[in-house]
PDB file of N, CA and C in Angstrom:
ATOM      1  N   MET A   1     111.361 167.831 115.412  1.00  0.00           N
ATOM      2  CA  MET A   1     111.447 167.140 116.685  1.00  0.00           C
ATOM      3  C   MET A   1     110.561 165.890 116.635  1.00  0.00           C
ATOM      4  N   ARG A   2     110.975 164.868 117.340  1.00  0.00           N
ATOM      5  CA  ARG A   2     110.256 163.595 117.336  1.00  0.00           C
ATOM      6  C   ARG A   2     109.855 163.203 118.753  1.00  0.00           C
ATOM      7  N   ILE A   3     108.883 162.309 118.824  1.00  0.00           N
ATOM      8  CA  ILE A   3     108.422 161.784 120.108  1.00  0.00           C
ATOM      9  C   ILE A   3     108.185 160.285 119.943  1.00  0.00           C
ATOM     10  N   SER A   4     108.396 159.532 121.008  1.00  0.00           N
ATOM     11  CA  SER A   4     108.191 158.081 120.959  1.00  0.00           C
ATOM     12  C   SER A   4     106.864 157.708 121.622  1.00  0.00           C
ATOM     13  N   LEU A   5     106.403 156.503 121.342  1.00  0.00           N
ATOM     14  CA  LEU A   5     105.185 156.006 121.990  1.00  0.00           C
ATOM     15  C   LEU A   5     105.375 155.944 123.501  1.00  0.00           C
ATOM     16  N   ASN A   6     106.577 155.587 123.936  1.00  0.00           N
ATOM     17  CA  ASN A   6     106.855 155.519 125.368  1.00  0.00           C
ATOM     18  C   ASN A   6     106.742 156.902 126.019  1.00  0.00           C
ATOM     19  N   GLU A   7     107.239 157.939 125.339  1.00  0.00           N
ATOM     20  CA  GLU A   7     107.126 159.304 125.872  1.00  0.00           C
ATOM     21  C   GLU A   7     105.666 159.734 125.971  1.00  0.00           C
ATOM     22  N   LEU A   8     104.868 159.392 124.949  1.00  0.00           N
ATOM     23  CA  LEU A   8     103.439 159.719 124.990  1.00  0.00           C
ATOM     24  C   LEU A   8     102.783 159.060 126.197  1.00  0.00           C
ATOM     25  N   LYS A   9     103.141 157.796 126.428  1.00  0.00           N
ATOM     26  CA  LYS A   9     102.573 157.056 127.558  1.00  0.00           C
ATOM     27  C   LYS A   9     103.003 157.670 128.890  1.00  0.00           C
ATOM     28  N   LEU A  10     104.300 157.964 129.022  1.00  0.00           N
ATOM     29  CA  LEU A  10     104.819 158.544 130.268  1.00  0.00           C
ATOM     30  C   LEU A  10     104.195 159.905 130.573  1.00  0.00           C
ATOM     31  N   LYS A  11     103.924 160.682 129.526  1.00  0.00           N
ATOM     32  CA  LYS A  11     103.318 162.010 129.700  1.00  0.00           C
ATOM     33  C   LYS A  11     101.798 161.949 129.817  1.00  0.00           C
ATOM     34  N   GLY A  12     101.230 160.754 129.594  1.00  0.00           N
ATOM     35  CA  GLY A  12      99.778 160.602 129.672  1.00  0.00           C
ATOM     36  C   GLY A  12      99.047 161.327 128.558  1.00  0.00           C
ATOM     37  N   LEU A  13      99.673 161.398 127.370  1.00  0.00           N
ATOM     38  CA  LEU A  13      99.073 162.117 126.244  1.00  0.00           C
ATOM     39  C   LEU A  13      98.250 161.187 125.361  1.00  0.00           C
ATOM     40  N   ASP A  14      96.940 161.391 125.357  1.00  0.00           N
ATOM     41  CA  ASP A  14      96.098 160.730 124.368  1.00  0.00           C
ATOM     42  C   ASP A  14      96.437 161.392 123.037  1.00  0.00           C
ATOM     43  N   TYR A  15      96.333 160.654 121.945  1.00  0.00           N
ATOM     44  CA  TYR A  15      96.811 161.210 120.683  1.00  0.00           C
ATOM     45  C   TYR A  15      96.068 160.649 119.472  1.00  0.00           C
ATOM     46  N   TYR A  16      96.224 161.377 118.383  1.00  0.00           N
ATOM     47  CA  TYR A  16      95.801 160.885 117.074  1.00  0.00           C
ATOM     48  C   TYR A  16      97.042 160.376 116.360  1.00  0.00           C
ATOM     49  N   TRP A  17      96.929 159.231 115.702  1.00  0.00           N
ATOM     50  CA  TRP A  17      97.986 158.712 114.836  1.00  0.00           C
ATOM     51  C   TRP A  17      97.641 159.204 113.436  1.00  0.00           C
ATOM     52  N   ALA A  18      98.454 160.127 112.912  1.00  0.00           N
ATOM     53  CA  ALA A  18      98.204 160.721 111.600  1.00  0.00           C
ATOM     54  C   ALA A  18      99.094 160.054 110.561  1.00  0.00           C
ATOM     55  N   HIS A  19      98.455 159.572 109.503  1.00  0.00           N
ATOM     56  CA  HIS A  19      99.186 158.909 108.427  1.00  0.00           C
ATOM     57  C   HIS A  19      98.398 159.051 107.134  1.00  0.00           C
ATOM     58  N   ALA A  20      99.007 158.637 106.038  1.00  0.00           N
ATOM     59  CA  ALA A  20      98.341 158.710 104.736  1.00  0.00           C
ATOM     60  C   ALA A  20      97.744 157.353 104.394  1.00  0.00           C
ATOM     61  N   GLU A  21      96.552 157.396 103.848  1.00  0.00           N
ATOM     62  CA  GLU A  21      95.871 156.193 103.389  1.00  0.00           C
ATOM     63  C   GLU A  21      95.225 156.531 102.053  1.00  0.00           C
ATOM     64  N   ASN A  22      95.679 155.888 100.985  1.00  0.00           N
ATOM     65  CA  ASN A  22      95.194 156.179  99.635  1.00  0.00           C
ATOM     66  C   ASN A  22      95.328 157.661  99.301  1.00  0.00           C
ATOM     67  N   GLY A  23      96.435 158.273  99.726  1.00  0.00           N
ATOM     68  CA  GLY A  23      96.699 159.672  99.428  1.00  0.00           C
ATOM     69  C   GLY A  23      95.948 160.675 100.286  1.00  0.00           C
ATOM     70  N   GLU A  24      95.189 160.204 101.258  1.00  0.00           N
ATOM     71  CA  GLU A  24      94.404 161.080 102.137  1.00  0.00           C
ATOM     72  C   GLU A  24      94.980 161.053 103.550  1.00  0.00           C
ATOM     73  N   LEU A  25      94.862 162.189 104.244  1.00  0.00           N
ATOM     74  CA  LEU A  25      95.279 162.271 105.641  1.00  0.00           C
ATOM     75  C   LEU A  25      94.244 161.568 106.512  1.00  0.00           C
ATOM     76  N   VAL A  26      94.713 160.632 107.335  1.00  0.00           N
ATOM     77  CA  VAL A  26      93.848 159.889 108.248  1.00  0.00           C
ATOM     78  C   VAL A  26      94.383 160.099 109.660  1.00  0.00           C
ATOM     79  N   MET A  27      93.480 160.375 110.597  1.00  0.00           N
ATOM     80  CA  MET A  27      93.882 160.547 111.996  1.00  0.00           C
ATOM     81  C   MET A  27      93.056 159.598 112.852  1.00  0.00           C
ATOM     82  N   GLU A  28      93.742 158.621 113.459  1.00  0.00           N
ATOM     83  CA  GLU A  28      93.088 157.602 114.270  1.00  0.00           C
ATOM     84  C   GLU A  28      93.381 157.864 115.749  1.00  0.00           C
ATOM     85  N   PRO A  29      92.349 157.961 116.595  1.00  0.00           N
ATOM     86  CA  PRO A  29      92.564 158.257 118.011  1.00  0.00           C
ATOM     87  C   PRO A  29      93.099 157.054 118.791  1.00  0.00           C
ATOM     88  N   SER A  30      93.995 157.359 119.739  1.00  0.00           N
ATOM     89  CA  SER A  30      94.550 156.337 120.631  1.00  0.00           C
ATOM     90  C   SER A  30      94.668 156.909 122.034  1.00  0.00           C
ATOM     91  N   CYS A  31      94.499 156.045 123.003  1.00  0.00           N
ATOM     92  CA  CYS A  31      94.711 156.412 124.404  1.00  0.00           C
ATOM     93  C   CYS A  31      96.217 156.498 124.658  1.00  0.00           C
ATOM     94  N   ALA A  32      96.603 157.213 125.681  1.00  0.00           N
ATOM     95  CA  ALA A  32      98.016 157.302 126.056  1.00  0.00           C
ATOM     96  C   ALA A  32      98.612 155.919 126.314  1.00  0.00           C
ATOM     97  N   CYS A  33      97.790 154.971 126.745  1.00  0.00           N
ATOM     98  CA  CYS A  33      98.276 153.614 127.012  1.00  0.00           C
ATOM     99  C   CYS A  33      98.557 152.840 125.725  1.00  0.00           C
ATOM    100  N   GLY A  34      98.145 153.398 124.572  1.00  0.00           N
ATOM    101  CA  GLY A  34      98.380 152.750 123.287  1.00  0.00           C
ATOM    102  C   GLY A  34      97.170 152.047 122.705  1.00  0.00           C
ATOM    103  N   THR A  35      96.068 152.002 123.437  1.00  0.00           N
ATOM    104  CA  THR A  35      94.862 151.342 122.954  1.00  0.00           C
ATOM    105  C   THR A  35      94.164 152.201 121.902  1.00  0.00           C
ATOM    106  N   PRO A  36      93.915 151.641 120.702  1.00  0.00           N
ATOM    107  CA  PRO A  36      93.137 152.383 119.704  1.00  0.00           C
ATOM    108  C   PRO A  36      91.729 152.646 120.243  1.00  0.00           C
ATOM    109  N   LEU A  37      91.188 153.816 119.925  1.00  0.00           N
ATOM    110  CA  LEU A  37      89.887 154.216 120.462  1.00  0.00           C
ATOM    111  C   LEU A  37      88.795 154.152 119.409  1.00  0.00           C
ATOM    112  N   GLU A  38      87.592 153.864 119.870  1.00  0.00           N
ATOM    113  CA  GLU A  38      86.410 153.902 119.010  1.00  0.00           C
ATOM    114  C   GLU A  38      85.883 155.334 118.981  1.00  0.00           C
ATOM    115  N   GLU A  39      84.753 155.536 118.331  1.00  0.00           N
ATOM    116  CA  GLU A  39      84.169 156.871 118.161  1.00  0.00           C
ATOM    117  C   GLU A  39      83.826 157.563 119.473  1.00  0.00           C
ATOM    118  N   ASP A  40      83.575 156.793 120.531  1.00  0.00           N
ATOM    119  CA  ASP A  40      83.220 157.408 121.820  1.00  0.00           C
ATOM    120  C   ASP A  40      84.452 157.821 122.640  1.00  0.00           C
ATOM    121  N   TYR A  41      85.654 157.500 122.139  1.00  0.00           N
ATOM    122  CA  TYR A  41      86.921 157.857 122.772  1.00  0.00           C
ATOM    123  C   TYR A  41      87.082 157.253 124.168  1.00  0.00           C
ATOM    124  N   TYR A  42      86.338 156.202 124.466  1.00  0.00           N
ATOM    125  CA  TYR A  42      86.440 155.539 125.766  1.00  0.00           C
ATOM    126  C   TYR A  42      87.490 154.431 125.683  1.00  0.00           C
ATOM    127  N   CYS A  43      88.421 154.417 126.639  1.00  0.00           N
ATOM    128  CA  CYS A  43      89.447 153.380 126.687  1.00  0.00           C
ATOM    129  C   CYS A  43      89.017 152.300 127.673  1.00  0.00           C
ATOM    130  N   PRO A  44      88.800 151.074 127.198  1.00  0.00           N
ATOM    131  CA  PRO A  44      88.405 149.999 128.106  1.00  0.00           C
ATOM    132  C   PRO A  44      89.541 149.583 129.048  1.00  0.00           C
ATOM    133  N   ASN A  45      90.802 149.780 128.648  1.00  0.00           N
ATOM    134  CA  ASN A  45      91.934 149.442 129.524  1.00  0.00           C
ATOM    135  C   ASN A  45      92.031 150.385 130.709  1.00  0.00           C
ATOM    136  N   CYS A  46      91.939 151.678 130.441  1.00  0.00           N
ATOM    137  CA  CYS A  46      92.084 152.700 131.493  1.00  0.00           C
ATOM    138  C   CYS A  46      90.746 153.066 132.125  1.00  0.00           C
ATOM    139  N   GLN A  47      89.674 152.616 131.505  1.00  0.00           N
ATOM    140  CA  GLN A  47      88.305 152.900 131.955  1.00  0.00           C
ATOM    141  C   GLN A  47      88.076 154.402 132.111  1.00  0.00           C
ATOM    142  N   ARG A  48      88.402 155.125 131.028  1.00  0.00           N
ATOM    143  CA  ARG A  48      88.173 156.568 131.025  1.00  0.00           C
ATOM    144  C   ARG A  48      87.931 157.055 129.604  1.00  0.00           C
ATOM    145  N   LYS A  49      87.323 158.225 129.505  1.00  0.00           N
ATOM    146  CA  LYS A  49      87.128 158.874 128.214  1.00  0.00           C
ATOM    147  C   LYS A  49      88.379 159.695 127.920  1.00  0.00           C
ATOM    148  N   CYS A  50      88.972 159.478 126.768  1.00  0.00           N
ATOM    149  CA  CYS A  50      90.228 160.132 126.410  1.00  0.00           C
ATOM    150  C   CYS A  50      89.984 161.467 125.715  1.00  0.00           C
ATOM    151  N   ASP A  51      90.977 162.338 125.791  1.00  0.00           N
ATOM    152  CA  ASP A  51      90.917 163.661 125.175  1.00  0.00           C
ATOM    153  C   ASP A  51      92.171 163.838 124.317  1.00  0.00           C
ATOM    154  N   CYS A  52      92.045 163.569 123.038  1.00  0.00           N
ATOM    155  CA  CYS A  52      93.183 163.635 122.121  1.00  0.00           C
ATOM    156  C   CYS A  52      93.439 165.078 121.696  1.00  0.00           C
ATOM    157  N   ARG A  53      94.564 165.629 122.125  1.00  0.00           N
ATOM    158  CA  ARG A  53      94.972 166.989 121.744  1.00  0.00           C
ATOM    159  C   ARG A  53      96.389 166.989 121.173  1.00  0.00           C
ATOM    160  N   PHE A  54      96.929 165.793 120.977  1.00  0.00           N
ATOM    161  CA  PHE A  54      98.266 165.649 120.409  1.00  0.00           C
ATOM    162  C   PHE A  54      98.146 164.807 119.151  1.00  0.00           C
ATOM    163  N   ILE A  55      98.933 165.138 118.139  1.00  0.00           N
ATOM    164  CA  ILE A  55      98.890 164.400 116.880  1.00  0.00           C
ATOM    165  C   ILE A  55     100.282 163.856 116.597  1.00  0.00           C
ATOM    166  N   ALA A  56     100.402 162.535 116.616  1.00  0.00           N
ATOM    167  CA  ALA A  56     101.655 161.847 116.317  1.00  0.00           C
ATOM    168  C   ALA A  56     101.658 161.518 114.826  1.00  0.00           C
ATOM    169  N   CYS A  57     102.618 162.065 114.102  1.00  0.00           N
ATOM    170  CA  CYS A  57     102.629 161.971 112.642  1.00  0.00           C
ATOM    171  C   CYS A  57     103.596 160.902 112.141  1.00  0.00           C
ATOM    172  N   GLU A  58     103.200 160.247 111.067  1.00  0.00           N
ATOM    173  CA  GLU A  58     103.990 159.171 110.479  1.00  0.00           C
ATOM    174  C   GLU A  58     105.352 159.660 109.974  1.00  0.00           C
ATOM    175  N   ASP A  59     105.374 160.836 109.360  1.00  0.00           N
ATOM    176  CA  ASP A  59     106.616 161.376 108.809  1.00  0.00           C
ATOM    177  C   ASP A  59     106.509 162.895 108.683  1.00  0.00           C
ATOM    178  N   VAL A  60     107.562 163.513 108.177  1.00  0.00           N
ATOM    179  CA  VAL A  60     107.611 164.975 108.076  1.00  0.00           C
ATOM    180  C   VAL A  60     106.543 165.501 107.123  1.00  0.00           C
ATOM    181  N   GLU A  61     106.289 164.794 106.037  1.00  0.00           N
ATOM    182  CA  GLU A  61     105.260 165.220 105.078  1.00  0.00           C
ATOM    183  C   GLU A  61     103.884 165.273 105.746  1.00  0.00           C
ATOM    184  N   ILE A  62     103.566 164.274 106.527  1.00  0.00           N
ATOM    185  CA  ILE A  62     102.290 164.255 107.256  1.00  0.00           C
ATOM    186  C   ILE A  62     102.279 165.370 108.298  1.00  0.00           C
ATOM    187  N   LEU A  63     103.395 165.573 108.987  1.00  0.00           N
ATOM    188  CA  LEU A  63     103.489 166.657 109.969  1.00  0.00           C
ATOM    189  C   LEU A  63     103.189 168.002 109.316  1.00  0.00           C
ATOM    190  N   GLN A  64     103.714 168.247 108.133  1.00  0.00           N
ATOM    191  CA  GLN A  64     103.460 169.511 107.436  1.00  0.00           C
ATOM    192  C   GLN A  64     101.976 169.673 107.121  1.00  0.00           C
ATOM    193  N   ALA A  65     101.323 168.600 106.694  1.00  0.00           N
ATOM    194  CA  ALA A  65      99.880 168.654 106.411  1.00  0.00           C
ATOM    195  C   ALA A  65      99.098 168.932 107.694  1.00  0.00           C
ATOM    196  N   VAL A  66      99.499 168.296 108.783  1.00  0.00           N
ATOM    197  CA  VAL A  66      98.830 168.495 110.074  1.00  0.00           C
ATOM    198  C   VAL A  66      99.047 169.926 110.569  1.00  0.00           C
ATOM    199  N   GLU A  67     100.244 170.452 110.408  1.00  0.00           N
ATOM    200  CA  GLU A  67     100.509 171.837 110.827  1.00  0.00           C
ATOM    201  C   GLU A  67      99.649 172.824 110.048  1.00  0.00           C
ATOM    202  N   ARG A  68      99.429 172.559 108.752  1.00  0.00           N
ATOM    203  CA  ARG A  68      98.523 173.411 107.961  1.00  0.00           C
ATOM    204  C   ARG A  68      97.107 173.324 108.515  1.00  0.00           C
ATOM    205  N   LEU A  69      96.687 172.135 108.901  1.00  0.00           N
ATOM    206  CA  LEU A  69      95.360 171.943 109.491  1.00  0.00           C
ATOM    207  C   LEU A  69      95.241 172.715 110.806  1.00  0.00           C
ATOM    208  N   ILE A  70      96.251 172.630 111.636  1.00  0.00           N
ATOM    209  CA  ILE A  70      96.242 173.326 112.928  1.00  0.00           C
ATOM    210  C   ILE A  70      96.167 174.840 112.722  1.00  0.00           C
ATOM    211  N   ARG A  71      96.964 175.360 111.788  1.00  0.00           N
ATOM    212  CA  ARG A  71      96.963 176.805 111.525  1.00  0.00           C
ATOM    213  C   ARG A  71      95.670 177.274 110.864  1.00  0.00           C
ATOM    214  N   GLY A  72      95.077 176.430 110.033  1.00  0.00           N
ATOM    215  CA  GLY A  72      93.929 176.852 109.239  1.00  0.00           C
ATOM    216  C   GLY A  72      92.566 176.578 109.836  1.00  0.00           C
ATOM    217  N   ASN A  73      92.506 175.834 110.925  1.00  0.00           N
ATOM    218  CA  ASN A  73      91.219 175.456 111.504  1.00  0.00           C
ATOM    219  C   ASN A  73      91.207 175.813 112.992  1.00  0.00           C
ATOM    220  N   PRO A  74      90.376 176.795 113.381  1.00  0.00           N
ATOM    221  CA  PRO A  74      90.332 177.217 114.788  1.00  0.00           C
ATOM    222  C   PRO A  74      90.029 176.079 115.764  1.00  0.00           C
ATOM    223  N   SER A  75      89.349 175.040 115.318  1.00  0.00           N
ATOM    224  CA  SER A  75      89.033 173.906 116.195  1.00  0.00           C
ATOM    225  C   SER A  75      90.291 173.151 116.634  1.00  0.00           C
ATOM    226  N   PHE A  76      91.374 173.304 115.890  1.00  0.00           N
ATOM    227  CA  PHE A  76      92.610 172.576 116.180  1.00  0.00           C
ATOM    228  C   PHE A  76      93.692 173.454 116.803  1.00  0.00           C
ATOM    229  N   ARG A  77      93.384 174.701 117.151  1.00  0.00           N
ATOM    230  CA  ARG A  77      94.428 175.636 117.591  1.00  0.00           C
ATOM    231  C   ARG A  77      95.140 175.204 118.876  1.00  0.00           C
ATOM    232  N   ASP A  78      94.509 174.404 119.723  1.00  0.00           N
ATOM    233  CA  ASP A  78      95.141 173.952 120.968  1.00  0.00           C
ATOM    234  C   ASP A  78      95.894 172.629 120.810  1.00  0.00           C
ATOM    235  N   TYR A  79      95.983 172.135 119.586  1.00  0.00           N
ATOM    236  CA  TYR A  79      96.639 170.853 119.332  1.00  0.00           C
ATOM    237  C   TYR A  79      98.130 171.052 119.100  1.00  0.00           C
ATOM    238  N   GLN A  80      98.892 170.017 119.418  1.00  0.00           N
ATOM    239  CA  GLN A  80     100.326 169.980 119.138  1.00  0.00           C
ATOM    240  C   GLN A  80     100.587 168.764 118.274  1.00  0.00           C
ATOM    241  N   ALA A  81     101.659 168.819 117.484  1.00  0.00           N
ATOM    242  CA  ALA A  81     101.994 167.698 116.607  1.00  0.00           C
ATOM    243  C   ALA A  81     103.501 167.510 116.539  1.00  0.00           C
ATOM    244  N   MET A  82     103.896 166.253 116.393  1.00  0.00           N
ATOM    245  CA  MET A  82     105.304 165.885 116.217  1.00  0.00           C
ATOM    246  C   MET A  82     105.347 164.608 115.386  1.00  0.00           C
ATOM    247  N   VAL A  83     106.511 164.349 114.805  1.00  0.00           N
ATOM    248  CA  VAL A  83     106.731 163.084 114.104  1.00  0.00           C
ATOM    249  C   VAL A  83     106.946 162.001 115.154  1.00  0.00           C
ATOM    250  N   LEU A  84     106.306 160.863 114.946  1.00  0.00           N
ATOM    251  CA  LEU A  84     106.456 159.739 115.872  1.00  0.00           C
ATOM    252  C   LEU A  84     107.737 158.986 115.555  1.00  0.00           C
ATOM    253  N   ASN A  85     108.570 158.805 116.550  1.00  0.00           N
ATOM    254  CA  ASN A  85     109.808 158.051 116.417  1.00  0.00           C
ATOM    255  C   ASN A  85     109.479 156.591 116.697  1.00  0.00           C
ATOM    256  N   ARG A  86     109.416 155.799 115.651  1.00  0.00           N
ATOM    257  CA  ARG A  86     109.005 154.397 115.812  1.00  0.00           C
ATOM    258  C   ARG A  86     110.176 153.506 116.057  1.00  0.00           C
TER     259      ARG A  86
END
């Protein structure tokens, strides 16, 4: 199943953008409005602290890696992931 950036925005879902960089899984936080977030997760556009519990994946291979992370790490058990439809 896939999700679009517009759907994330409409649902108000803050998210991580999961992709590969030099063969490693990278997850970059973004506000539901689309603004990339710094380490404090504060969005200057929305003037709020974001809570990323959704992971938007670059492709199916990344989704599979993220699903393994979710299953294998109790800290991620409340997270959901889908492939981002760009």
